[in-house]
Amino acid sequence: GIDSNNIESITILKDASSTSQYGARGANGVILITTKDGQAGKTKFTFSTTYGVQNDAVKGPDPLTAAQRLDLHAEASFNDGAYATKEAAIAALLNSNTYRAWNEAGRPEANWKEIVRNSNAPIQISNFSASGGADGHSFFGSLGYMNQEGTVIGSSFERISGAINF
């Protein structure tokens, strides 16, 4: 939940260094995240924005075809004891509202992986910060916005974040 623009440094403690500071809770290691602080002096304002696109980095699993889904649904119905045989489950399912239109249309198949794919999904990140201070006190404040469309149609992530250090 921390905006990466607000991170000053990340330190990883492991073994004796983590247990000496954090006891048994640090036995598996500790990640220390230090956020930015203000510096005494004139107030400094910073604004940054990034815009880009993203695609799947690796080929994921292929979705089931309609025929595979029917077979799996029939097997589950048979295993639940709803039908005496898997073939009886298939026959009943083909007459149900779920599969009737598909069966009557000649059991067409579609490439669902390509249909739901969102190629070149946009991602936008903006951040505004101010830091400064005088003798004896300093401040740092930031406001961040991120909007990311997923590589699958209909999925997205939006985040607004803020931080104040005084």
N, C-alpha and C. Protein backbone atom coordinates (compact mmCIF):
# COMPACT_ATOMS: atom_id res chain seq x y z
N GLY A 1 0.79 -1.20 0.00
CA GLY A 1 0.00 0.00 0.00
C GLY A 1 0.83 1.26 0.00
N ILE A 2 2.16 1.15 -0.01
CA ILE A 2 3.02 2.33 0.00
C ILE A 2 3.34 2.73 -1.44
N ASP A 3 3.15 3.99 -1.77
CA ASP A 3 3.51 4.49 -3.08
C ASP A 3 5.02 4.40 -3.24
N SER A 4 5.48 3.79 -4.32
CA SER A 4 6.91 3.59 -4.51
C SER A 4 7.68 4.91 -4.62
N ASN A 5 7.01 5.99 -4.98
CA ASN A 5 7.67 7.30 -5.06
C ASN A 5 8.00 7.86 -3.67
N ASN A 6 7.41 7.31 -2.61
CA ASN A 6 7.65 7.79 -1.25
C ASN A 6 8.73 6.99 -0.53
N ILE A 7 9.31 6.01 -1.18
CA ILE A 7 10.31 5.15 -0.53
C ILE A 7 11.71 5.73 -0.72
N GLU A 8 12.39 5.93 0.38
CA GLU A 8 13.77 6.40 0.36
C GLU A 8 14.73 5.23 0.20
N SER A 9 14.52 4.16 0.99
CA SER A 9 15.39 2.98 0.89
C SER A 9 14.68 1.75 1.43
N ILE A 10 15.18 0.59 1.03
CA ILE A 10 14.69 -0.71 1.51
C ILE A 10 15.90 -1.50 1.99
N THR A 11 15.83 -2.00 3.23
CA THR A 11 16.92 -2.77 3.81
C THR A 11 16.38 -4.13 4.23
N ILE A 12 17.12 -5.17 3.94
CA ILE A 12 16.71 -6.52 4.33
C ILE A 12 17.67 -7.01 5.41
N LEU A 13 17.11 -7.37 6.56
CA LEU A 13 17.89 -7.92 7.66
C LEU A 13 17.59 -9.41 7.76
N LYS A 14 18.61 -10.22 7.89
CA LYS A 14 18.38 -11.64 8.06
C LYS A 14 19.37 -12.21 9.07
N ASP A 15 19.03 -13.36 9.57
CA ASP A 15 19.85 -14.07 10.57
C ASP A 15 19.96 -13.27 11.86
N ALA A 16 21.15 -13.15 12.39
CA ALA A 16 21.36 -12.56 13.72
C ALA A 16 20.99 -11.09 13.77
N SER A 17 21.19 -10.36 12.69
CA SER A 17 20.87 -8.93 12.72
C SER A 17 19.38 -8.68 12.91
N SER A 18 18.54 -9.55 12.36
CA SER A 18 17.09 -9.35 12.51
C SER A 18 16.61 -9.82 13.89
N THR A 19 17.16 -10.93 14.39
CA THR A 19 16.70 -11.42 15.69
C THR A 19 17.23 -10.56 16.82
N SER A 20 18.39 -9.93 16.65
CA SER A 20 18.90 -9.08 17.73
C SER A 20 18.03 -7.84 17.90
N GLN A 21 17.44 -7.33 16.83
CA GLN A 21 16.59 -6.14 16.92
C GLN A 21 15.12 -6.48 17.17
N TYR A 22 14.64 -7.57 16.56
CA TYR A 22 13.21 -7.86 16.59
C TYR A 22 12.86 -9.15 17.33
N GLY A 23 13.83 -9.83 17.89
CA GLY A 23 13.56 -11.03 18.66
C GLY A 23 13.04 -12.16 17.79
N ALA A 24 12.19 -13.00 18.37
CA ALA A 24 11.65 -14.16 17.67
C ALA A 24 10.83 -13.77 16.45
N ARG A 25 10.22 -12.58 16.47
CA ARG A 25 9.41 -12.14 15.33
C ARG A 25 10.27 -11.89 14.09
N GLY A 26 11.57 -11.67 14.28
CA GLY A 26 12.47 -11.42 13.16
C GLY A 26 13.25 -12.64 12.73
N ALA A 27 12.89 -13.83 13.20
CA ALA A 27 13.64 -15.04 12.92
C ALA A 27 13.70 -15.37 11.43
N ASN A 28 12.64 -15.06 10.67
CA ASN A 28 12.62 -15.36 9.24
C ASN A 28 13.13 -14.20 8.39
N GLY A 29 13.59 -13.14 9.04
CA GLY A 29 14.08 -11.97 8.32
C GLY A 29 13.12 -10.79 8.47
N VAL A 30 13.64 -9.61 8.20
CA VAL A 30 12.87 -8.37 8.35
C VAL A 30 13.15 -7.49 7.13
N ILE A 31 12.12 -6.87 6.62
CA ILE A 31 12.28 -5.90 5.54
C ILE A 31 11.96 -4.52 6.12
N LEU A 32 12.96 -3.63 6.10
CA LEU A 32 12.79 -2.28 6.61
C LEU A 32 12.58 -1.33 5.43
N ILE A 33 11.47 -0.63 5.45
CA ILE A 33 11.18 0.35 4.40
C ILE A 33 11.25 1.73 5.02
N THR A 34 12.15 2.56 4.54
CA THR A 34 12.32 3.92 5.05
C THR A 34 11.67 4.87 4.04
N THR A 35 10.72 5.67 4.52
CA THR A 35 10.06 6.62 3.63
C THR A 35 10.81 7.95 3.64
N LYS A 36 10.53 8.76 2.65
CA LYS A 36 11.23 10.04 2.51
C LYS A 36 10.84 11.01 3.62
N ASP A 37 11.80 11.83 4.01
CA ASP A 37 11.59 12.91 4.99
C ASP A 37 11.90 14.23 4.31
N GLY A 38 11.38 15.30 4.90
CA GLY A 38 11.70 16.62 4.40
C GLY A 38 13.08 17.05 4.86
N GLN A 39 13.65 18.01 4.15
CA GLN A 39 14.95 18.57 4.50
C GLN A 39 14.76 20.04 4.82
N ALA A 40 15.45 20.51 5.85
CA ALA A 40 15.36 21.92 6.21
C ALA A 40 15.80 22.77 5.03
N GLY A 41 15.08 23.85 4.80
CA GLY A 41 15.41 24.74 3.69
C GLY A 41 14.16 25.13 2.94
N LYS A 42 14.37 25.71 1.79
CA LYS A 42 13.27 26.18 0.96
C LYS A 42 12.38 25.00 0.54
N THR A 43 11.09 25.24 0.49
CA THR A 43 10.15 24.19 0.09
C THR A 43 10.39 23.78 -1.35
N LYS A 44 10.48 22.48 -1.56
CA LYS A 44 10.74 21.92 -2.88
C LYS A 44 9.51 21.13 -3.34
N PHE A 45 9.03 21.42 -4.53
CA PHE A 45 7.87 20.73 -5.10
C PHE A 45 8.35 19.83 -6.24
N THR A 46 7.77 18.64 -6.31
CA THR A 46 8.12 17.68 -7.35
C THR A 46 6.85 17.09 -7.93
N PHE A 47 6.80 16.99 -9.25
CA PHE A 47 5.68 16.34 -9.93
C PHE A 47 6.25 15.40 -10.97
N SER A 48 5.73 14.18 -11.00
CA SER A 48 6.15 13.23 -12.02
C SER A 48 4.92 12.48 -12.52
N THR A 49 4.96 12.11 -13.77
CA THR A 49 3.87 11.33 -14.34
C THR A 49 4.46 10.35 -15.35
N THR A 50 3.84 9.19 -15.43
CA THR A 50 4.27 8.14 -16.35
C THR A 50 3.03 7.57 -17.03
N TYR A 51 3.15 7.31 -18.30
CA TYR A 51 2.07 6.68 -19.04
C TYR A 51 2.69 5.59 -19.91
N GLY A 52 2.09 4.43 -19.93
CA GLY A 52 2.61 3.35 -20.74
C GLY A 52 1.54 2.32 -21.03
N VAL A 53 1.95 1.25 -21.66
CA VAL A 53 1.04 0.14 -21.96
C VAL A 53 1.69 -1.15 -21.47
N GLN A 54 0.85 -2.15 -21.25
CA GLN A 54 1.35 -3.44 -20.79
C GLN A 54 0.64 -4.58 -21.52
N ASN A 55 1.35 -5.69 -21.62
CA ASN A 55 0.83 -6.92 -22.19
C ASN A 55 1.27 -8.07 -21.31
N ASP A 56 0.69 -9.23 -21.50
CA ASP A 56 1.09 -10.41 -20.74
C ASP A 56 2.54 -10.75 -21.04
N ALA A 57 3.32 -11.00 -19.98
CA ALA A 57 4.73 -11.33 -20.16
C ALA A 57 4.92 -12.79 -20.52
N VAL A 58 4.05 -13.65 -20.03
CA VAL A 58 4.15 -15.08 -20.30
C VAL A 58 2.80 -15.60 -20.78
N LYS A 59 2.84 -16.70 -21.49
CA LYS A 59 1.61 -17.33 -21.96
C LYS A 59 0.95 -18.04 -20.79
N GLY A 60 -0.27 -17.65 -20.46
CA GLY A 60 -0.98 -18.26 -19.35
C GLY A 60 -1.73 -19.51 -19.77
N PRO A 61 -2.51 -20.08 -18.86
CA PRO A 61 -3.26 -21.29 -19.20
C PRO A 61 -4.38 -20.98 -20.20
N ASP A 62 -4.69 -21.94 -21.04
CA ASP A 62 -5.78 -21.78 -22.00
C ASP A 62 -7.11 -22.05 -21.31
N PRO A 63 -8.13 -21.23 -21.58
CA PRO A 63 -9.44 -21.50 -20.98
C PRO A 63 -10.08 -22.75 -21.60
N LEU A 64 -11.04 -23.30 -20.89
CA LEU A 64 -11.74 -24.48 -21.39
C LEU A 64 -12.55 -24.14 -22.62
N THR A 65 -12.65 -25.09 -23.54
CA THR A 65 -13.59 -24.95 -24.65
C THR A 65 -14.97 -25.29 -24.12
N ALA A 66 -15.99 -24.99 -24.88
CA ALA A 66 -17.35 -25.30 -24.45
C ALA A 66 -17.54 -26.81 -24.28
N ALA A 67 -16.95 -27.59 -25.17
CA ALA A 67 -17.06 -29.05 -25.07
C ALA A 67 -16.37 -29.57 -23.81
N GLN A 68 -15.21 -29.00 -23.49
CA GLN A 68 -14.51 -29.41 -22.27
C GLN A 68 -15.32 -29.01 -21.03
N ARG A 69 -15.93 -27.84 -21.09
CA ARG A 69 -16.75 -27.39 -19.96
C ARG A 69 -17.96 -28.31 -19.76
N LEU A 70 -18.60 -28.71 -20.86
CA LEU A 70 -19.72 -29.65 -20.79
C LEU A 70 -19.27 -30.96 -20.17
N ASP A 71 -18.13 -31.47 -20.61
CA ASP A 71 -17.61 -32.74 -20.10
C ASP A 71 -17.33 -32.64 -18.60
N LEU A 72 -16.70 -31.57 -18.19
CA LEU A 72 -16.38 -31.37 -16.77
C LEU A 72 -17.65 -31.21 -15.93
N HIS A 73 -18.63 -30.46 -16.44
CA HIS A 73 -19.91 -30.27 -15.76
C HIS A 73 -20.64 -31.61 -15.61
N ALA A 74 -20.62 -32.41 -16.67
CA ALA A 74 -21.29 -33.72 -16.62
C ALA A 74 -20.60 -34.64 -15.62
N GLU A 75 -19.27 -34.62 -15.60
CA GLU A 75 -18.53 -35.46 -14.66
C GLU A 75 -18.83 -35.06 -13.21
N ALA A 76 -18.92 -33.76 -12.97
CA ALA A 76 -19.24 -33.28 -11.62
C ALA A 76 -20.65 -33.70 -11.23
N SER A 77 -21.60 -33.58 -12.15
CA SER A 77 -22.98 -33.99 -11.86
C SER A 77 -23.07 -35.49 -11.59
N PHE A 78 -22.35 -36.29 -12.37
CA PHE A 78 -22.31 -37.73 -12.15
C PHE A 78 -21.68 -38.06 -10.79
N ASN A 79 -20.56 -37.41 -10.46
CA ASN A 79 -19.88 -37.66 -9.18
C ASN A 79 -20.72 -37.24 -7.98
N ASP A 80 -21.60 -36.26 -8.18
CA ASP A 80 -22.51 -35.84 -7.10
C ASP A 80 -23.67 -36.83 -6.91
N GLY A 81 -23.80 -37.78 -7.84
CA GLY A 81 -24.86 -38.77 -7.73
C GLY A 81 -26.17 -38.31 -8.35
N ALA A 82 -26.14 -37.22 -9.12
CA ALA A 82 -27.37 -36.71 -9.74
C ALA A 82 -27.80 -37.57 -10.93
N TYR A 83 -26.85 -38.28 -11.55
CA TYR A 83 -27.16 -39.12 -12.71
C TYR A 83 -26.48 -40.46 -12.55
N ALA A 84 -27.07 -41.50 -13.18
CA ALA A 84 -26.55 -42.86 -13.07
C ALA A 84 -25.25 -43.03 -13.85
N THR A 85 -25.13 -42.34 -14.98
CA THR A 85 -23.90 -42.41 -15.78
C THR A 85 -23.51 -41.01 -16.24
N LYS A 86 -22.27 -40.91 -16.67
CA LYS A 86 -21.80 -39.61 -17.18
C LYS A 86 -22.53 -39.27 -18.48
N GLU A 87 -22.82 -40.28 -19.30
CA GLU A 87 -23.53 -40.06 -20.56
C GLU A 87 -24.94 -39.52 -20.30
N ALA A 88 -25.60 -40.03 -19.24
CA ALA A 88 -26.93 -39.52 -18.88
C ALA A 88 -26.84 -38.06 -18.44
N ALA A 89 -25.76 -37.71 -17.75
CA ALA A 89 -25.56 -36.33 -17.33
C ALA A 89 -25.36 -35.42 -18.54
N ILE A 90 -24.59 -35.89 -19.53
CA ILE A 90 -24.36 -35.11 -20.75
C ILE A 90 -25.68 -34.90 -21.48
N ALA A 91 -26.47 -35.95 -21.63
CA ALA A 91 -27.76 -35.84 -22.33
C ALA A 91 -28.68 -34.86 -21.61
N ALA A 92 -28.71 -34.91 -20.30
CA ALA A 92 -29.57 -33.99 -19.54
C ALA A 92 -29.07 -32.54 -19.66
N LEU A 93 -27.77 -32.36 -19.60
CA LEU A 93 -27.21 -31.01 -19.69
C LEU A 93 -27.44 -30.40 -21.07
N LEU A 94 -27.36 -31.20 -22.13
CA LEU A 94 -27.59 -30.69 -23.48
C LEU A 94 -29.03 -30.23 -23.67
N ASN A 95 -29.95 -30.72 -22.85
CA ASN A 95 -31.34 -30.27 -22.90
C ASN A 95 -31.63 -29.14 -21.92
N SER A 96 -30.62 -28.74 -21.13
CA SER A 96 -30.83 -27.66 -20.17
C SER A 96 -30.64 -26.31 -20.84
N ASN A 97 -31.11 -25.26 -20.17
CA ASN A 97 -30.98 -23.90 -20.70
C ASN A 97 -29.52 -23.50 -20.89
N THR A 98 -28.63 -24.06 -20.10
CA THR A 98 -27.22 -23.69 -20.16
C THR A 98 -26.57 -24.10 -21.48
N TYR A 99 -26.89 -25.29 -22.00
CA TYR A 99 -26.21 -25.81 -23.18
C TYR A 99 -27.11 -25.98 -24.40
N ARG A 100 -28.42 -25.79 -24.29
CA ARG A 100 -29.35 -26.07 -25.39
C ARG A 100 -29.03 -25.23 -26.63
N ALA A 101 -28.91 -23.93 -26.49
CA ALA A 101 -28.66 -23.06 -27.65
C ALA A 101 -27.32 -23.39 -28.31
N TRP A 102 -26.31 -23.67 -27.51
CA TRP A 102 -25.00 -24.03 -28.04
C TRP A 102 -25.08 -25.34 -28.83
N ASN A 103 -25.81 -26.32 -28.30
CA ASN A 103 -25.96 -27.61 -28.96
C ASN A 103 -26.73 -27.47 -30.27
N GLU A 104 -27.83 -26.68 -30.25
CA GLU A 104 -28.66 -26.50 -31.45
C GLU A 104 -27.92 -25.71 -32.53
N ALA A 105 -26.96 -24.88 -32.15
CA ALA A 105 -26.19 -24.10 -33.12
C ALA A 105 -25.04 -24.90 -33.73
N GLY A 106 -24.93 -26.16 -33.39
CA GLY A 106 -23.88 -27.01 -33.96
C GLY A 106 -22.62 -27.05 -33.13
N ARG A 107 -22.73 -26.67 -31.87
CA ARG A 107 -21.61 -26.69 -30.92
C ARG A 107 -20.40 -25.87 -31.40
N PRO A 108 -20.62 -24.60 -31.71
CA PRO A 108 -19.49 -23.77 -32.16
C PRO A 108 -18.50 -23.51 -31.02
N GLU A 109 -17.26 -23.29 -31.37
CA GLU A 109 -16.22 -22.98 -30.40
C GLU A 109 -15.67 -21.58 -30.70
N ALA A 110 -15.17 -20.93 -29.69
CA ALA A 110 -14.57 -19.60 -29.83
C ALA A 110 -13.21 -19.61 -29.15
N ASN A 111 -12.36 -18.71 -29.56
CA ASN A 111 -11.05 -18.56 -28.93
C ASN A 111 -11.19 -17.53 -27.82
N TRP A 112 -11.66 -17.97 -26.65
CA TRP A 112 -11.96 -17.06 -25.55
C TRP A 112 -10.72 -16.33 -25.04
N LYS A 113 -9.59 -16.95 -25.15
CA LYS A 113 -8.36 -16.30 -24.68
C LYS A 113 -8.11 -15.00 -25.44
N GLU A 114 -8.36 -15.03 -26.76
CA GLU A 114 -8.18 -13.82 -27.57
C GLU A 114 -9.36 -12.85 -27.43
N ILE A 115 -10.54 -13.38 -27.21
CA ILE A 115 -11.73 -12.52 -27.10
C ILE A 115 -11.66 -11.63 -25.87
N VAL A 116 -11.17 -12.15 -24.75
CA VAL A 116 -11.12 -11.38 -23.50
C VAL A 116 -9.80 -10.64 -23.31
N ARG A 117 -8.89 -10.78 -24.24
CA ARG A 117 -7.57 -10.16 -24.14
C ARG A 117 -7.66 -8.64 -24.34
N ASN A 118 -6.95 -7.91 -23.51
CA ASN A 118 -6.88 -6.45 -23.62
C ASN A 118 -5.44 -6.10 -24.00
N SER A 119 -5.16 -6.05 -25.29
CA SER A 119 -3.80 -5.75 -25.76
C SER A 119 -3.45 -4.30 -25.49
N ASN A 120 -2.20 -4.08 -25.16
CA ASN A 120 -1.70 -2.73 -24.89
C ASN A 120 -2.55 -2.00 -23.85
N ALA A 121 -2.79 -2.67 -22.74
CA ALA A 121 -3.58 -2.09 -21.65
C ALA A 121 -2.84 -0.89 -21.06
N PRO A 122 -3.49 0.28 -20.97
CA PRO A 122 -2.79 1.47 -20.49
C PRO A 122 -2.58 1.46 -18.97
N ILE A 123 -1.50 2.11 -18.57
CA ILE A 123 -1.19 2.32 -17.16
C ILE A 123 -0.71 3.76 -17.01
N GLN A 124 -1.26 4.44 -16.01
CA GLN A 124 -0.90 5.83 -15.75
C GLN A 124 -0.55 6.00 -14.28
N ILE A 125 0.58 6.64 -14.00
CA ILE A 125 1.01 6.89 -12.63
C ILE A 125 1.40 8.36 -12.53
N SER A 126 0.84 9.08 -11.55
CA SER A 126 1.18 10.48 -11.31
C SER A 126 1.48 10.66 -9.83
N ASN A 127 2.42 11.54 -9.53
CA ASN A 127 2.79 11.79 -8.14
C ASN A 127 3.18 13.25 -7.97
N PHE A 128 2.70 13.86 -6.90
CA PHE A 128 3.04 15.23 -6.53
C PHE A 128 3.54 15.20 -5.09
N SER A 129 4.68 15.88 -4.83
CA SER A 129 5.20 15.91 -3.47
C SER A 129 5.78 17.28 -3.17
N ALA A 130 5.83 17.57 -1.86
CA ALA A 130 6.42 18.81 -1.37
C ALA A 130 7.23 18.48 -0.13
N SER A 131 8.40 19.08 -0.02
CA SER A 131 9.22 18.87 1.17
C SER A 131 9.95 20.16 1.51
N GLY A 132 10.24 20.30 2.77
CA GLY A 132 10.95 21.50 3.22
C GLY A 132 11.00 21.55 4.73
N GLY A 133 11.26 22.72 5.27
CA GLY A 133 11.31 22.87 6.71
C GLY A 133 12.21 24.01 7.12
N ALA A 134 12.38 24.14 8.41
CA ALA A 134 13.23 25.17 8.99
C ALA A 134 13.98 24.54 10.15
N ASP A 135 14.70 25.35 10.93
CA ASP A 135 15.43 24.82 12.08
C ASP A 135 14.48 24.13 13.04
N GLY A 136 14.75 22.89 13.36
CA GLY A 136 13.97 22.17 14.35
C GLY A 136 12.78 21.40 13.80
N HIS A 137 12.42 21.60 12.57
CA HIS A 137 11.31 20.82 12.01
C HIS A 137 11.45 20.71 10.49
N SER A 138 10.88 19.64 9.93
CA SER A 138 10.85 19.43 8.49
C SER A 138 9.57 18.69 8.14
N PHE A 139 9.21 18.75 6.88
CA PHE A 139 7.98 18.06 6.45
C PHE A 139 8.19 17.46 5.08
N PHE A 140 7.39 16.44 4.81
CA PHE A 140 7.31 15.83 3.49
C PHE A 140 5.87 15.38 3.29
N GLY A 141 5.27 15.76 2.19
CA GLY A 141 3.90 15.35 1.87
C GLY A 141 3.82 14.94 0.42
N SER A 142 3.00 13.96 0.14
CA SER A 142 2.85 13.52 -1.25
C SER A 142 1.43 13.04 -1.50
N LEU A 143 1.05 13.11 -2.75
CA LEU A 143 -0.24 12.61 -3.22
C LEU A 143 0.03 11.87 -4.52
N GLY A 144 -0.42 10.62 -4.60
CA GLY A 144 -0.17 9.79 -5.77
C GLY A 144 -1.45 9.23 -6.35
N TYR A 145 -1.44 9.00 -7.65
CA TYR A 145 -2.59 8.42 -8.35
C TYR A 145 -2.07 7.38 -9.33
N MET A 146 -2.73 6.23 -9.35
CA MET A 146 -2.38 5.16 -10.30
C MET A 146 -3.66 4.59 -10.89
N ASN A 147 -3.69 4.45 -12.20
CA ASN A 147 -4.82 3.83 -12.89
C ASN A 147 -4.26 2.83 -13.88
N GLN A 148 -4.62 1.56 -13.70
CA GLN A 148 -4.06 0.48 -14.50
C GLN A 148 -5.17 -0.42 -15.01
N GLU A 149 -5.27 -0.53 -16.33
CA GLU A 149 -6.20 -1.50 -16.91
C GLU A 149 -5.52 -2.85 -16.94
N GLY A 150 -6.28 -3.90 -16.71
CA GLY A 150 -5.73 -5.24 -16.76
C GLY A 150 -5.56 -5.74 -18.17
N THR A 151 -4.81 -6.82 -18.34
CA THR A 151 -4.62 -7.40 -19.66
C THR A 151 -5.80 -8.30 -20.05
N VAL A 152 -6.81 -8.37 -19.18
CA VAL A 152 -8.06 -9.06 -19.47
C VAL A 152 -9.16 -8.01 -19.43
N ILE A 153 -10.01 -7.97 -20.43
CA ILE A 153 -11.07 -6.98 -20.51
C ILE A 153 -11.92 -7.01 -19.24
N GLY A 154 -12.19 -5.85 -18.69
CA GLY A 154 -13.04 -5.74 -17.51
C GLY A 154 -12.29 -5.71 -16.19
N SER A 155 -10.98 -5.90 -16.21
CA SER A 155 -10.22 -5.85 -14.96
C SER A 155 -9.38 -4.57 -14.93
N SER A 156 -9.34 -3.95 -13.75
CA SER A 156 -8.55 -2.72 -13.62
C SER A 156 -8.19 -2.52 -12.15
N PHE A 157 -7.27 -1.60 -11.93
CA PHE A 157 -6.83 -1.26 -10.58
C PHE A 157 -6.62 0.25 -10.53
N GLU A 158 -7.21 0.88 -9.52
CA GLU A 158 -7.05 2.32 -9.34
C GLU A 158 -6.67 2.57 -7.88
N ARG A 159 -5.66 3.43 -7.67
CA ARG A 159 -5.21 3.71 -6.31
C ARG A 159 -4.92 5.19 -6.17
N ILE A 160 -5.39 5.76 -5.08
CA ILE A 160 -5.03 7.12 -4.68
C ILE A 160 -4.34 6.97 -3.33
N SER A 161 -3.14 7.54 -3.23
CA SER A 161 -2.39 7.40 -2.00
C SER A 161 -1.86 8.75 -1.56
N GLY A 162 -1.65 8.88 -0.26
CA GLY A 162 -1.11 10.11 0.29
C GLY A 162 -0.28 9.82 1.51
N ALA A 163 0.65 10.73 1.79
CA ALA A 163 1.50 10.56 2.96
C ALA A 163 1.94 11.93 3.45
N ILE A 164 2.03 12.05 4.76
CA ILE A 164 2.53 13.27 5.39
C ILE A 164 3.50 12.87 6.49
N ASN A 165 4.71 13.38 6.43
CA ASN A 165 5.72 13.19 7.47
C ASN A 165 6.09 14.57 7.99
N PHE A 166 5.98 14.77 9.29
CA PHE A 166 6.35 16.06 9.89
C PHE A 166 7.30 15.82 11.03
